[in-house]
Amino acid sequence: MQNKTYTVAQVNRYIAGMFADDLMLKNVSVKGEVGTCSYTASGHIYFSIKDKDAQISCVMWASRRMSGLKFKLATGMQVVVTGSVEVYERDGKYQIIAAKVEEDGVGNIFEQFEALKAKLKEQGMFDEEFKRPIPKHIKTLGVVTASTGAAVRDIIDISKRRNPGIQIVLYPATVQGKDAPPTIIKGINALEEYGVDVIIVGRGGGSMEDLWCFNDEALAHTIFNAAVPVISAVGHETDFTIADFVADLRAPTPSAAAELAVADVSYDLRRLKDDENRLKVLMGRKISFLRTKVSGYSGRVKALSPGALINAKRNRLASLEERLNVRIEKLLTQYKTRVSMTAQSLHALSPLNKLGNGYVYASMSGASVKSVKDIKAGDEVRLDLKDGFAVTKVIDTTET
């Protein structure tokens, strides 16, 4: 006889009915350590409890929180959950629908965390004075994380976007489980020897157990003693590990670690471009000013050069020569006029002119005869006339 075939929903519904009919599962109290824990915006709490052998999912609806929970539920707490075990038919999974959660002390894993944290803090490994600053502009970024997954992709994408020229050296490490700390330590040492500028150590989110490898004491000492700055980027913003406390800088997420490690060069490039433009404007103004100044000096040099001085003297001499010629011409004209006037006056007073009017010039032995006393009877006297001379002998003289 052929077996009847059922749908998945029918099977899940049947199992759910079995759970509903089991009176023991109607009101059961389960003790364990809180693993994952998530508060939703609607007020519901999704969490898990576990022991060394197993784990079970739990949910407390918002309507039961006021009466069933008197404290803040957190990972690592040891609690007693009271409620009913039911099947979530859609996923075929069972879970405890918590009606009440009571605190039963701090879980062992949380105690280990707090003990190591207190020990390292007492040794001074969390002190700010030992924190090294992250260089503003790095050339080589070292990353210790899993070779696959969102964490490494986010670090690479964000780093390359912020600085396309950044060199990223990835050391693929195991980041979960008891074998993880030695590989992470080996990765830090290898990148340190390679000579990177900064190292990011981390992984994506997970439960406290998933992140537990970053609470290793040997790893804490390796990060603290590293020769280059180390940024811890483990889990989400609300997750804290020992690595976060000893690292030089703690980033809430791997993406944030990339932003803290790699400077955004686009801002620097824009600032350099603005500085370049301002420098060009200032240089243009300076060059224009200097050109004007040089032009002034050039004019002064030309004016003071021997050639310029000679030309200036030459022009001045030509001007003086012209003025002198004008002056000479003027003086000559004046002198010619005066000479003409003098000549006329002399002509009017000239003996020849007198002679022409019937007068004679008497002389004796080259001397003028001006008086009858200068001659006597018998002397020969020369008489100069208009058109010649004559020699006469004095017969007699008479004074008047």
Foldseek 3Di string as FASTA:
>chain_A
DDDDDDDLLVVLVVVQVVQVPDPDQAKDKDKFFWKDWDQDPQGKIWTKGDDPPDIFIEIEDNVLCVPAPDDDDDGQFIKIFIGGWGAPSVVRGIHGHGNHIGTDGGHPLVVVQVVLLVVVVVVVLLPLVLQDAFDQAFAEEEEEEAPDDDLVVLLVVLLCQLPVRHHYHYQHADQFDPPGLVSSLVSLVVVLVVPGQEYEYEDEADICRRRVSLQDPVSLVSQLPRPHAYEYAYYAQPDDHSNCSNGSHYDRHSNRVSPSNHHRCVVVVVVVVVVVVVVVVVVVVVVVVVVVVVVVVVVVCCCPPPVNVVVVVVVVVVVVVVVVVVVVVVVVVVVVVVVVVVVVVCCVVPVLNVLVVVAWWKDAPPHGDDALVVDAAQGWIWIAHNVGIDIDGHHGGDDD
